[in-house]
Amino acid sequence: MKKIFILFAMPLLLAGCADPNASAFGPAKSAVQTRSYQSRAFDTADTKMVLNSVIATLQDMGLTLGRTEAALGIATASKLNGGKNLILTVSVREAAKQTIVRLNVRVGDAEVTNAATYQDFFNRLGQSMFLDAHEII
């Protein structure tokens, strides 16, 4: 009987020592923060136009296009930067009357977590979309 009590009571005792801000899959706050600067919503439902602007932006940044799946709304591009491979993966999806663009940047095997890198891409993408929408060459 004593062994059964210890078997059931031990997880409860250990749970009291756990960090209340941590989860089984890592810290949730940092994942939400990361997603917030990796994603941007645009007020258009034309995902094809947005994906074309994404591709143009990647090329304007001097990246080489890799695999592009228009039906899935995914584009990848890469560039050799300082001896390391820079890889950008962009997904485009429709959500209500908006288009959500999410960017993931990796250098080698490490994910880039610098928000300024993502901000730079989205600024360039916004400019490209503006020029495309107003047919300015």
Protein backbone atom coordinates (compact mmCIF):
# COMPACT_ATOMS: atom_id res chain seq x y z
CA MET A 1 0.00 0.00 0.00
CA LYS A 2 2.87 2.35 0.87
CA LYS A 3 4.50 1.72 -2.53
CA ILE A 4 1.27 2.55 -4.38
CA PHE A 5 0.92 5.81 -2.44
CA ILE A 6 4.50 6.81 -3.31
CA LEU A 7 3.92 5.86 -6.94
CA PHE A 8 0.90 8.19 -7.20
CA ALA A 9 2.11 10.96 -4.90
CA MET A 10 5.56 11.38 -6.46
CA PRO A 11 4.38 13.04 -9.71
CA LEU A 12 2.33 15.51 -7.70
CA LEU A 13 5.31 16.40 -5.54
CA LEU A 14 7.57 16.81 -8.57
CA ALA A 15 4.99 18.94 -10.38
CA GLY A 16 5.16 21.42 -7.52
CA CYS A 17 8.85 21.98 -8.32
CA ALA A 18 8.25 22.66 -12.01
CA ASP A 19 8.55 26.10 -13.56
CA PRO A 20 4.97 27.35 -14.10
CA ASN A 21 6.05 29.33 -17.21
CA ALA A 22 7.59 26.31 -18.94
CA SER A 23 5.71 23.74 -20.98
CA ALA A 24 6.53 20.24 -22.15
CA PHE A 25 7.45 21.66 -25.56
CA GLY A 26 9.69 24.48 -24.36
CA PRO A 27 8.92 28.01 -23.27
CA ALA A 28 5.61 29.06 -24.87
CA LYS A 29 6.31 32.78 -24.57
CA SER A 30 9.36 32.67 -26.83
CA ALA A 31 7.51 30.62 -29.46
CA VAL A 32 4.73 33.19 -29.56
CA GLN A 33 7.23 36.04 -29.74
CA THR A 34 9.11 34.29 -32.53
CA ARG A 35 5.92 33.70 -34.51
CA SER A 36 4.93 37.35 -34.05
CA TYR A 37 7.99 38.70 -35.88
CA GLN A 38 8.13 35.83 -38.37
CA SER A 39 4.57 36.49 -39.61
CA ARG A 40 2.85 39.42 -41.24
CA ALA A 41 -0.76 39.87 -42.38
CA PHE A 42 -1.54 41.76 -45.57
CA ASP A 43 -4.98 43.14 -46.41
CA THR A 44 -5.51 41.19 -49.61
CA ALA A 45 -6.96 37.78 -50.40
CA ASP A 46 -4.86 37.49 -53.58
CA THR A 47 -2.34 34.92 -52.39
CA LYS A 48 -0.99 34.43 -55.92
CA MET A 49 -0.01 38.11 -56.16
CA VAL A 50 1.56 37.97 -52.69
CA LEU A 51 3.54 34.83 -53.57
CA ASN A 52 4.77 36.51 -56.77
CA SER A 53 5.87 39.51 -54.70
CA VAL A 54 7.61 37.17 -52.23
CA ILE A 55 9.53 35.54 -55.10
CA ALA A 56 10.48 38.95 -56.54
CA THR A 57 11.62 40.14 -53.11
CA LEU A 58 13.78 37.05 -52.58
CA GLN A 59 15.40 37.58 -55.99
CA ASP A 60 15.90 41.31 -55.31
CA MET A 61 17.74 40.34 -52.13
CA GLY A 62 20.23 38.37 -54.24
CA LEU A 63 18.97 34.96 -53.19
CA THR A 64 18.74 31.96 -55.51
CA LEU A 65 15.28 30.44 -55.70
CA GLY A 66 15.07 26.83 -54.68
CA ARG A 67 11.82 24.97 -54.58
CA THR A 68 8.60 26.87 -55.17
CA GLU A 69 5.21 25.22 -54.69
CA ALA A 70 2.58 27.73 -55.84
CA ALA A 71 -0.31 25.39 -54.99
CA LEU A 72 0.94 25.16 -51.40
CA GLY A 73 2.09 28.79 -51.19
CA ILE A 74 5.69 27.91 -50.32
CA ALA A 75 8.94 29.33 -51.67
CA THR A 76 12.51 28.64 -50.61
CA ALA A 77 15.65 30.56 -51.49
CA SER A 78 19.28 30.38 -50.45
CA LYS A 79 22.55 32.25 -50.61
CA LEU A 80 26.08 31.47 -49.55
CA ASN A 81 26.94 34.10 -46.95
CA GLY A 82 30.36 34.18 -45.31
CA GLY A 83 30.92 30.48 -45.93
CA LYS A 84 27.57 29.54 -44.41
CA ASN A 85 24.38 28.71 -46.25
CA LEU A 86 21.56 31.22 -45.66
CA ILE A 87 18.15 29.60 -46.27
CA LEU A 88 14.83 31.43 -46.34
CA THR A 89 11.53 29.57 -46.39
CA VAL A 90 8.36 31.57 -46.93
CA SER A 91 4.79 30.35 -46.67
CA VAL A 92 1.78 32.27 -47.93
CA ARG A 93 -1.77 31.42 -46.90
CA GLU A 94 -5.17 33.03 -46.99
CA ALA A 95 -6.97 33.78 -43.73
CA ALA A 96 -10.38 35.43 -44.00
CA LYS A 97 -9.84 38.51 -46.22
CA GLN A 98 -6.12 38.66 -45.51
CA THR A 99 -2.99 36.87 -46.62
CA ILE A 100 -0.59 35.67 -43.95
CA VAL A 101 3.09 35.48 -44.86
CA ARG A 102 5.45 33.59 -42.58
CA LEU A 103 9.21 33.63 -42.98
CA ASN A 104 11.80 31.30 -41.50
CA VAL A 105 15.48 32.18 -41.81
CA ARG A 106 18.28 29.72 -41.11
CA VAL A 107 22.04 30.07 -41.26
CA GLY A 108 23.41 26.56 -41.54
CA ASP A 109 21.52 24.56 -38.92
CA ALA A 110 20.70 27.52 -36.67
CA GLU A 111 17.47 29.49 -36.82
CA VAL A 112 17.91 33.27 -37.02
CA THR A 113 16.10 34.90 -34.10
CA ASN A 114 17.03 38.52 -34.81
CA ALA A 115 13.71 40.34 -35.32
CA ALA A 116 15.41 43.03 -37.46
CA THR A 117 16.20 40.41 -40.14
CA TYR A 118 12.53 39.55 -40.45
CA GLN A 119 11.47 43.21 -40.31
CA ASP A 120 13.83 44.00 -43.21
CA PHE A 121 12.29 41.26 -45.35
CA PHE A 122 8.71 42.36 -44.61
CA ASN A 123 9.59 46.01 -45.35
CA ARG A 124 10.99 44.98 -48.73
CA LEU A 125 7.98 42.75 -49.39
CA GLY A 126 5.58 45.59 -48.55
CA GLN A 127 7.40 47.89 -50.97
CA SER A 128 7.31 45.23 -53.69
CA MET A 129 3.58 44.66 -53.17
CA PHE A 130 2.94 48.42 -53.30
CA LEU A 131 4.84 48.75 -56.57
CA ASP A 132 3.05 45.73 -58.06
CA ALA A 133 -0.37 46.94 -56.96
CA HIS A 134 0.20 50.37 -58.51
CA GLU A 135 1.95 48.91 -61.58
CA ILE A 136 5.07 50.97 -60.95
CA ILE A 137 8.18 49.52 -62.54
